[in-house]
Amino acid sequence: MPMTLQAVFRSAMLDITPLRTSPAFLRLWIGSGISTLGGTMTPFAVMLQVYRATHSTLDVGLTGLASVLPGALFVLLGGSVGDRVDRRKLALLATSGQMLVSALLAVQALIAWSALWLIYALLCAQSVLGAINAPARRTFVPRLLPKEQVRAGQTLNTLAIRFGEVAGPSLAGVIASFAGLGWCYACDAATFLAALYAIYRLPPMLPEANAKQRSMLDGVMEGLRFLGRSRALLGAMLADLSVTVLGVPTALLPALVSERFGGRPETLGLMMGATGIGGLVILALSGPVRHIRSEGKAILVACAAWAIAAGGLGLAPFVWLCVALLGLMGAADSILVVMRSTLIQQGTPDGLRGRISSVDYLVGTGGPQLGNLRAGLVGSLLPPGASIAVGGLSTLAAILCVGWFVPELRRAQAEEGVGASD
């Protein structure tokens, strides 16, 4: 009986096989995890610094725009570059640039030179560098791991990201209280060293042979044509956009807490952290995920679960129920990210991975920003609870449409390949 219980426990836990079998992946996972933890401190510090300097929520909102829009404009070109050069060298250069930007943010904060134009300019530079760096680094996992371990590798990467999102802002709050905001930026800059070491130790990451491209624009168009033909990959991205654009409730949570639960800041903090904790729990107990055969069906189920939970959140009368539903949404989102990234990385030829990863990066970063904008607009017309419920129902309707009109996604399995011929 003890052995049976032990076997059940092991089968339920996170698959760490990639950490045991690939030293390069282990170094990259540790280095990226440390860097992610530091990277979550900078948005916290920027928002607090700008608000302290201006007391304007508009100026704080513009920091989010500066952190996303420039990268969104350049991300497709960044992916095209990543399919032409050694991605390891490209990631080293982009990561070094990001470290320099964080160091400059630290300097301006430490010398108390809070010039808004400088902060916005540095955020724009950080955004462009991230748009170059992220697509290149996303191609590393399928090059470092055998096919049967790619999903486990993506799960481990998502776990590190979720941990950073939960722990980073809390750690930044402690550092800001005792040492000042400048040291939050300085910690971010220092953590880039861990990522740089891990990337430096990687083997060369030259793209596999691909047809010669006449121009950068030709490369971008080739990637978009491939995505248009690969309906399973396109469906996976549409499913993700259905969740993030139509249903993200983050911008409405303060109003919901104020209307239903007395506006207590501790209640808002509990609800804001619930999604990250839900994601961490499901990833730590993701053993059964390794037995899922169809990534496409798992994406649709995760999106539907997310939408139903969001609809329930809009109607929930109790704090504990809201927290539980937000935790479920975080769990569903983590499964969605793992399955989508596995399907996209294994379903894309290596010579196109940079460009397709750049589109995936744009979906992952731009979707939530558009979703918060949509939530704010709907929230100005409807009560917060009704706005969240409408978002959940809209998301569910959109997912049903994606599943119906893109049958290739329902059949998609990463191990069988889902290239342009699907």
Protein backbone atom coordinates (compact mmCIF):
# COMPACT_ATOMS: atom_id res chain seq x y z
CA MET A 1 0.00 0.00 0.00
CA PRO A 2 2.73 2.57 0.79
CA MET A 3 4.33 1.83 -2.58
CA THR A 4 0.98 2.31 -4.29
CA LEU A 5 0.47 5.66 -2.58
CA GLN A 6 4.01 6.65 -3.46
CA ALA A 7 3.39 5.76 -7.10
CA VAL A 8 0.18 7.80 -7.13
CA PHE A 9 2.00 10.75 -5.57
CA ARG A 10 4.79 10.59 -8.14
CA SER A 11 2.36 10.34 -11.03
CA ALA A 12 0.58 13.48 -9.84
CA MET A 13 3.70 15.60 -9.45
CA LEU A 14 5.45 17.80 -11.99
CA ASP A 15 7.58 15.93 -14.55
CA ILE A 16 11.17 17.09 -13.99
CA THR A 17 12.78 14.69 -16.46
CA PRO A 18 14.20 17.53 -18.62
CA LEU A 19 16.09 18.90 -15.59
CA ARG A 20 17.76 15.51 -15.08
CA THR A 21 18.55 14.66 -18.69
CA SER A 22 19.66 18.01 -20.17
CA PRO A 23 22.29 20.07 -18.30
CA ALA A 24 21.85 22.89 -20.84
CA PHE A 25 18.11 23.04 -20.22
CA LEU A 26 18.70 22.94 -16.46
CA ARG A 27 21.05 25.93 -16.64
CA LEU A 28 18.65 27.79 -18.92
CA TRP A 29 15.68 27.05 -16.65
CA ILE A 30 17.48 28.27 -13.53
CA GLY A 31 18.92 31.34 -15.25
CA SER A 32 15.63 32.30 -16.89
CA GLY A 33 13.74 31.71 -13.64
CA ILE A 34 16.05 34.02 -11.70
CA SER A 35 15.83 36.64 -14.46
CA THR A 36 12.03 36.36 -14.56
CA LEU A 37 11.86 36.94 -10.81
CA GLY A 38 13.90 40.10 -11.22
CA GLY A 39 11.96 41.15 -14.30
CA THR A 40 8.67 41.28 -12.41
CA MET A 41 10.15 43.85 -10.02
CA THR A 42 10.59 46.52 -12.69
CA PRO A 43 6.89 46.95 -13.64
CA PHE A 44 6.06 47.25 -9.93
CA ALA A 45 8.78 49.85 -9.41
CA VAL A 46 7.89 51.80 -12.56
CA MET A 47 4.20 52.09 -11.67
CA LEU A 48 4.96 53.17 -8.11
CA GLN A 49 7.65 55.64 -9.16
CA VAL A 50 5.46 57.26 -11.81
CA TYR A 51 2.46 57.49 -9.47
CA ARG A 52 4.56 59.02 -6.69
CA ALA A 53 5.92 61.60 -9.13
CA THR A 54 2.65 62.57 -10.84
CA HIS A 55 -0.30 61.14 -8.83
CA SER A 56 -1.86 60.50 -12.24
CA THR A 57 -3.42 57.16 -13.13
CA LEU A 58 -3.21 58.15 -16.81
CA ASP A 59 0.57 58.51 -16.56
CA VAL A 60 0.71 55.10 -14.86
CA GLY A 61 -1.42 53.62 -17.63
CA LEU A 62 0.93 55.02 -20.24
CA THR A 63 3.77 52.97 -18.74
CA GLY A 64 1.88 49.84 -19.80
CA LEU A 65 1.47 51.22 -23.30
CA ALA A 66 5.18 52.07 -23.50
CA SER A 67 6.04 48.56 -22.34
CA VAL A 68 3.97 46.83 -25.02
CA LEU A 69 3.34 48.95 -28.12
CA PRO A 70 6.94 49.44 -29.40
CA GLY A 71 7.66 45.73 -29.08
CA ALA A 72 4.41 44.87 -30.84
CA LEU A 73 5.46 47.03 -33.79
CA PHE A 74 8.87 45.34 -34.13
CA VAL A 75 8.17 41.77 -32.98
CA LEU A 76 7.59 40.30 -36.46
CA LEU A 77 10.86 41.75 -37.73
CA GLY A 78 12.57 40.44 -34.60
CA GLY A 79 11.28 36.96 -35.32
CA SER A 80 12.50 37.20 -38.91
CA VAL A 81 15.97 38.16 -37.70
CA GLY A 82 15.90 35.16 -35.37
CA ASP A 83 15.40 32.87 -38.36
CA ARG A 84 18.49 34.26 -40.12
CA VAL A 85 21.20 34.36 -37.45
CA ASP A 86 22.51 32.33 -34.51
CA ARG A 87 19.67 32.67 -32.00
CA ARG A 88 22.07 32.16 -29.11
CA LYS A 89 24.08 35.24 -30.10
CA LEU A 90 20.91 37.22 -30.76
CA ALA A 91 19.57 36.34 -27.29
CA LEU A 92 22.90 37.28 -25.71
CA LEU A 93 22.84 40.72 -27.37
CA ALA A 94 19.18 41.39 -26.57
CA THR A 95 19.53 40.22 -22.95
CA SER A 96 22.61 42.43 -22.50
CA GLY A 97 20.60 45.37 -23.81
CA GLN A 98 17.77 44.65 -21.40
CA MET A 99 20.24 44.51 -18.51
CA LEU A 100 21.64 47.90 -19.54
CA VAL A 101 18.14 49.42 -19.65
CA SER A 102 17.36 48.11 -16.14
CA ALA A 103 20.68 49.53 -14.92
CA LEU A 104 19.78 52.96 -16.37
CA LEU A 105 16.39 52.80 -14.66
CA ALA A 106 18.21 52.07 -11.40
CA VAL A 107 20.53 55.04 -11.88
CA GLN A 108 17.73 57.52 -12.60
CA ALA A 109 15.83 56.33 -9.52
CA LEU A 110 18.85 56.35 -7.21
CA ILE A 111 19.78 59.91 -8.17
CA ALA A 112 16.10 60.94 -7.88
CA TRP A 113 15.88 62.15 -11.48
CA SER A 114 12.26 61.16 -12.15
CA ALA A 115 11.91 62.54 -15.68
CA LEU A 116 8.85 60.92 -17.24
CA TRP A 117 10.20 61.15 -20.78
CA LEU A 118 13.30 59.21 -19.75
CA ILE A 119 11.26 56.48 -18.02
CA TYR A 120 8.97 56.12 -21.03
CA ALA A 121 11.95 56.05 -23.43
CA LEU A 122 13.67 53.31 -21.42
CA LEU A 123 10.45 51.29 -21.28
CA CYS A 124 10.13 51.58 -25.06
CA ALA A 125 13.71 50.35 -25.49
CA GLN A 126 13.04 47.48 -23.09
CA SER A 127 9.93 46.57 -25.08
CA VAL A 128 11.78 46.41 -28.41
CA LEU A 129 14.61 44.35 -26.92
CA GLY A 130 12.09 41.97 -25.37
CA ALA A 131 10.37 41.56 -28.74
CA ILE A 132 13.71 40.50 -30.23
CA ASN A 133 14.77 38.33 -27.29
CA ALA A 134 11.60 36.38 -26.50
CA PRO A 135 10.97 34.76 -29.93
CA ALA A 136 14.62 33.67 -30.15
CA ARG A 137 14.62 32.15 -26.66
CA ARG A 138 11.33 30.34 -27.25
CA THR A 139 13.02 28.28 -29.96
CA PHE A 140 15.57 26.82 -27.52
CA VAL A 141 13.39 24.17 -25.84
CA PRO A 142 12.70 22.00 -28.92
CA ARG A 143 16.42 22.19 -29.80
CA LEU A 144 17.57 21.12 -26.34
CA LEU A 145 15.02 18.40 -25.58
CA PRO A 146 13.72 15.33 -27.44
CA LYS A 147 10.14 15.59 -28.69
CA GLU A 148 8.72 13.50 -25.87
CA GLN A 149 10.11 15.95 -23.28
CA VAL A 150 9.12 19.25 -24.93
CA ARG A 151 5.78 19.46 -23.12
CA ALA A 152 7.46 18.81 -19.76
CA GLY A 153 10.02 21.50 -20.60
CA GLN A 154 7.29 24.01 -21.45
CA THR A 155 5.52 23.13 -18.20
CA LEU A 156 8.69 23.80 -16.22
CA ASN A 157 9.19 27.13 -17.99
CA THR A 158 5.60 28.17 -17.30
CA LEU A 159 6.05 27.21 -13.63
CA ALA A 160 9.10 29.48 -13.37
CA ILE A 161 7.18 32.35 -14.98
CA ARG A 162 4.19 31.92 -12.67
CA PHE A 163 6.44 31.77 -9.62
CA GLY A 164 8.10 35.02 -10.68
CA GLU A 165 4.74 36.70 -11.22
CA VAL A 166 3.62 35.73 -7.72
CA ALA A 167 6.86 36.26 -5.77
CA GLY A 168 8.44 39.14 -7.71
CA PRO A 169 6.04 41.98 -6.85
CA SER A 170 5.95 40.92 -3.19
CA LEU A 171 9.74 40.88 -3.02
CA ALA A 172 9.86 44.24 -4.81
CA GLY A 173 7.51 45.68 -2.21
CA VAL A 174 9.85 44.61 0.59
CA ILE A 175 12.93 45.95 -1.20
CA ALA A 176 11.20 49.26 -2.00
CA SER A 177 10.14 49.67 1.64
CA PHE A 178 13.61 49.10 3.08
CA ALA A 179 16.00 50.27 0.35
CA GLY A 180 14.05 52.31 -2.20
CA LEU A 181 12.75 51.77 -5.72
CA GLY A 182 16.18 52.15 -7.29
CA TRP A 183 17.26 48.85 -5.77
CA CYS A 184 14.30 47.08 -7.35
CA TYR A 185 15.66 48.09 -10.75
CA ALA A 186 19.18 47.17 -9.64
CA CYS A 187 18.04 43.69 -8.62
CA ASP A 188 16.40 43.26 -12.01
CA ALA A 189 19.64 44.25 -13.75
CA ALA A 190 21.68 41.86 -11.60
CA THR A 191 19.39 38.89 -12.27
CA PHE A 192 20.02 39.21 -16.00
CA LEU A 193 23.52 37.87 -15.29
CA ALA A 194 22.04 34.46 -14.51
CA ALA A 195 20.23 34.38 -17.85
CA LEU A 196 23.33 35.59 -19.71
CA TYR A 197 25.45 32.81 -18.19
CA ALA A 198 22.90 30.16 -19.13
CA ILE A 199 22.58 31.42 -22.71
CA TYR A 200 26.36 31.74 -23.07
CA ARG A 201 26.77 28.06 -22.16
CA LEU A 202 24.34 26.94 -24.86
CA PRO A 203 25.61 25.41 -28.12
CA PRO A 204 25.19 27.49 -31.29
CA MET A 205 21.53 27.83 -32.24
CA LEU A 206 21.67 28.41 -35.99
CA PRO A 207 18.29 27.94 -37.70
CA GLU A 208 17.97 24.85 -39.84
CA ALA A 209 18.38 25.34 -43.58
CA ASN A 210 15.58 27.40 -45.06
CA ALA A 211 14.90 28.88 -48.47
CA LYS A 212 16.87 32.07 -49.01
CA GLN A 213 14.83 35.19 -48.38
CA ARG A 214 15.27 38.25 -50.54
CA SER A 215 14.39 40.72 -47.79
CA MET A 216 13.26 41.00 -44.21
CA LEU A 217 9.72 41.72 -45.42
CA ASP A 218 9.76 38.53 -47.48
CA GLY A 219 10.72 36.64 -44.33
CA VAL A 220 7.85 38.14 -42.37
CA MET A 221 5.36 37.37 -45.16
CA GLU A 222 6.63 33.78 -45.44
CA GLY A 223 5.97 33.26 -41.74
CA LEU A 224 2.48 34.75 -41.98
CA ARG A 225 1.67 32.60 -45.03
CA PHE A 226 2.77 29.49 -43.13
CA LEU A 227 0.58 30.46 -40.17
CA GLY A 228 -2.37 31.05 -42.50
CA ARG A 229 -1.96 27.55 -43.95
CA SER A 230 -1.44 25.90 -40.57
CA ARG A 231 -4.97 26.16 -39.27
CA ALA A 232 -4.27 24.23 -36.06
CA LEU A 233 -1.63 26.75 -34.96
CA LEU A 234 -3.82 29.65 -36.03
CA GLY A 235 -6.71 28.14 -34.09
CA ALA A 236 -4.57 27.83 -30.97
CA MET A 237 -3.72 31.52 -31.15
CA LEU A 238 -7.36 32.48 -31.80
CA ALA A 239 -8.41 30.45 -28.76
CA ASP A 240 -5.89 32.32 -26.61
CA LEU A 241 -7.08 35.68 -27.97
CA SER A 242 -10.68 34.70 -27.21
CA VAL A 243 -9.72 34.37 -23.56
CA THR A 244 -7.46 37.38 -23.20
CA VAL A 245 -9.30 39.94 -25.34
CA LEU A 246 -12.89 39.02 -24.48
CA GLY A 247 -12.67 37.80 -20.91
CA VAL A 248 -9.74 39.20 -18.89
CA PRO A 249 -11.34 40.74 -15.74
CA THR A 250 -8.23 42.26 -14.11
CA ALA A 251 -9.17 45.90 -14.76
CA LEU A 252 -12.61 45.30 -13.20
CA LEU A 253 -11.49 43.65 -9.96
CA PRO A 254 -11.01 46.91 -7.99
CA ALA A 255 -14.55 48.00 -8.90
CA LEU A 256 -15.94 44.54 -8.08
CA VAL A 257 -14.30 44.56 -4.65
CA SER A 258 -15.55 48.09 -4.01
CA GLU A 259 -19.13 47.26 -4.99
CA ARG A 260 -19.52 43.88 -3.29
CA PHE A 261 -16.91 43.56 -0.55
CA GLY A 262 -16.41 47.01 0.92
CA GLY A 263 -13.34 47.96 -1.10
CA ARG A 264 -10.90 46.39 1.37
CA PRO A 265 -7.37 46.41 -0.10
CA GLU A 266 -6.52 43.05 1.49
CA THR A 267 -9.48 41.50 -0.36
CA LEU A 268 -8.27 42.97 -3.65
CA GLY A 269 -4.75 41.69 -2.99
CA LEU A 270 -6.08 38.21 -2.25
CA MET A 271 -8.08 38.17 -5.46
CA MET A 272 -5.24 39.60 -7.57
CA GLY A 273 -2.88 36.88 -6.33
CA ALA A 274 -5.34 34.00 -6.70
CA THR A 275 -4.75 33.44 -10.42
CA GLY A 276 -1.00 33.13 -9.97
CA ILE A 277 -1.40 30.72 -7.06
CA GLY A 278 -3.90 28.64 -9.03
CA GLY A 279 -1.42 28.43 -11.88
CA LEU A 280 1.39 27.37 -9.56
CA VAL A 281 -0.70 24.64 -7.93
CA ILE A 282 -1.86 23.09 -11.20
CA LEU A 283 1.68 23.12 -12.60
CA ALA A 284 3.13 21.54 -9.47
CA LEU A 285 0.51 18.80 -9.76
CA SER A 286 0.77 18.52 -13.55
CA GLY A 287 1.79 14.85 -13.65
CA PRO A 288 -1.45 13.77 -15.35
CA VAL A 289 -0.86 16.40 -18.06
CA ARG A 290 1.87 14.19 -19.55
CA HIS A 291 -0.83 11.67 -20.52
CA ILE A 292 -2.86 14.14 -22.59
CA ARG A 293 -2.58 13.07 -26.23
CA SER A 294 -4.35 15.93 -28.00
CA GLU A 295 -3.00 19.40 -27.25
CA GLY A 296 -5.73 20.91 -29.42
CA LYS A 297 -8.60 19.46 -27.38
CA ALA A 298 -6.81 20.40 -24.15
CA ILE A 299 -6.56 24.01 -25.35
CA LEU A 300 -10.29 24.15 -26.05
CA VAL A 301 -11.22 22.53 -22.73
CA ALA A 302 -8.90 24.88 -20.79
CA CYS A 303 -10.38 27.92 -22.53
CA ALA A 304 -13.94 26.73 -21.86
CA ALA A 305 -13.13 26.11 -18.18
CA TRP A 306 -11.62 29.61 -17.98
CA ALA A 307 -14.73 31.15 -19.55
CA ILE A 308 -17.16 29.32 -17.25
CA ALA A 309 -15.13 30.35 -14.19
CA ALA A 310 -15.09 33.98 -15.40
CA GLY A 311 -18.86 33.92 -15.83
CA GLY A 312 -19.23 32.55 -12.30
CA LEU A 313 -16.90 35.23 -10.96
CA GLY A 314 -19.23 37.92 -12.23
CA LEU A 315 -22.08 36.41 -10.22
CA ALA A 316 -20.22 35.17 -7.11
CA PRO A 317 -21.53 36.75 -3.85
CA PHE A 318 -18.73 35.54 -1.55
CA VAL A 319 -15.05 36.41 -1.35
CA TRP A 320 -13.99 32.79 -0.93
CA LEU A 321 -15.92 31.81 -4.07
CA CYS A 322 -14.33 34.65 -6.07
CA VAL A 323 -10.88 33.56 -4.92
CA ALA A 324 -11.60 29.93 -5.83
CA LEU A 325 -12.90 30.87 -9.29
CA LEU A 326 -9.88 33.12 -9.95
CA GLY A 327 -7.63 30.25 -8.89
CA LEU A 328 -9.42 27.99 -11.38
CA MET A 329 -8.93 30.62 -14.06
CA GLY A 330 -5.20 30.74 -13.27
CA ALA A 331 -4.98 26.94 -13.46
CA ALA A 332 -6.80 26.85 -16.81
CA ASP A 333 -4.58 29.63 -18.16
CA SER A 334 -1.40 27.75 -17.21
CA ILE A 335 -2.61 24.59 -18.97
CA LEU A 336 -3.52 26.70 -21.99
CA VAL A 337 -0.04 28.25 -22.12
CA VAL A 338 1.71 24.87 -21.85
CA MET A 339 -0.42 23.21 -24.52
CA ARG A 340 -0.32 26.17 -26.91
CA SER A 341 3.44 26.61 -26.67
CA THR A 342 4.04 22.86 -27.09
CA LEU A 343 1.81 22.70 -30.15
CA ILE A 344 3.36 25.77 -31.74
CA GLN A 345 7.00 24.85 -31.10
CA GLN A 346 6.65 21.26 -32.27
CA GLY A 347 4.34 22.10 -35.15
CA THR A 348 6.65 24.70 -36.69
CA PRO A 349 9.73 23.91 -38.81
CA ASP A 350 12.90 25.17 -37.12
CA GLY A 351 13.61 27.60 -39.96
CA LEU A 352 10.31 29.36 -39.20
CA ARG A 353 10.22 29.09 -35.41
CA GLY A 354 11.51 32.60 -34.81
CA ARG A 355 8.77 34.19 -36.89
CA ILE A 356 5.94 32.01 -35.58
CA SER A 357 7.21 32.51 -32.01
CA SER A 358 7.11 36.26 -32.61
CA VAL A 359 3.42 36.06 -33.52
CA ASP A 360 2.80 33.90 -30.45
CA TYR A 361 4.65 36.48 -28.32
CA LEU A 362 2.48 39.24 -29.78
CA VAL A 363 -0.66 37.25 -28.95
CA GLY A 364 0.53 36.59 -25.39
CA THR A 365 1.53 40.18 -24.62
CA GLY A 366 -0.95 42.19 -26.67
CA GLY A 367 -4.07 40.16 -25.91
CA PRO A 368 -4.23 40.96 -22.17
CA GLN A 369 -3.63 44.66 -22.83
CA LEU A 370 -6.52 44.77 -25.30
CA GLY A 371 -8.57 42.76 -22.83
CA ASN A 372 -8.03 45.28 -20.06
CA LEU A 373 -9.00 48.07 -22.45
CA ARG A 374 -12.18 46.18 -23.41
CA ALA A 375 -12.96 45.51 -19.74
CA GLY A 376 -12.61 49.18 -18.93
CA LEU A 377 -14.94 50.21 -21.75
CA VAL A 378 -17.59 47.61 -20.88
CA GLY A 379 -17.21 48.47 -17.19
CA SER A 380 -18.09 52.08 -17.96
CA LEU A 381 -21.46 50.91 -19.32
CA LEU A 382 -22.35 48.01 -17.00
CA PRO A 383 -21.84 47.16 -13.31
CA PRO A 384 -18.51 45.35 -12.70
CA GLY A 385 -20.10 41.98 -11.95
CA ALA A 386 -22.24 42.09 -15.07
CA SER A 387 -19.24 43.19 -17.14
CA ILE A 388 -17.18 40.21 -15.94
CA ALA A 389 -20.08 37.79 -16.55
CA VAL A 390 -20.61 39.14 -20.06
CA GLY A 391 -16.89 38.68 -20.73
CA GLY A 392 -17.05 35.06 -19.59
CA LEU A 393 -20.08 34.30 -21.76
CA SER A 394 -18.50 36.06 -24.75
CA THR A 395 -15.35 34.01 -24.30
CA LEU A 396 -17.31 30.76 -24.13
CA ALA A 397 -19.20 31.65 -27.32
CA ALA A 398 -15.94 32.51 -29.08
CA ILE A 399 -14.30 29.24 -28.00
CA LEU A 400 -17.26 27.24 -29.27
CA CYS A 401 -16.90 29.05 -32.60
CA VAL A 402 -13.17 28.35 -32.79
CA GLY A 403 -13.73 24.68 -32.00
CA TRP A 404 -16.49 24.43 -34.61
CA PHE A 405 -14.92 26.40 -37.46
CA VAL A 406 -11.32 25.17 -36.91
CA PRO A 407 -11.69 21.38 -36.68
CA GLU A 408 -7.95 21.04 -37.27
CA LEU A 409 -7.40 22.36 -33.75
CA ARG A 410 -9.64 19.65 -32.26
CA ARG A 411 -7.53 16.99 -33.98
CA ALA A 412 -4.13 18.60 -33.37
CA GLN A 413 -1.44 16.50 -31.68
CA ALA A 414 2.07 17.90 -31.35
CA GLU A 415 3.77 14.50 -31.58
CA GLU A 416 2.17 13.89 -34.97
CA GLY A 417 3.11 17.34 -36.31
CA VAL A 418 0.71 20.12 -37.29
CA GLY A 419 2.56 21.91 -40.04
CA ALA A 420 1.15 23.69 -43.06
CA SER A 421 -0.25 20.47 -44.45
CA ASP A 422 -2.84 20.13 -41.67
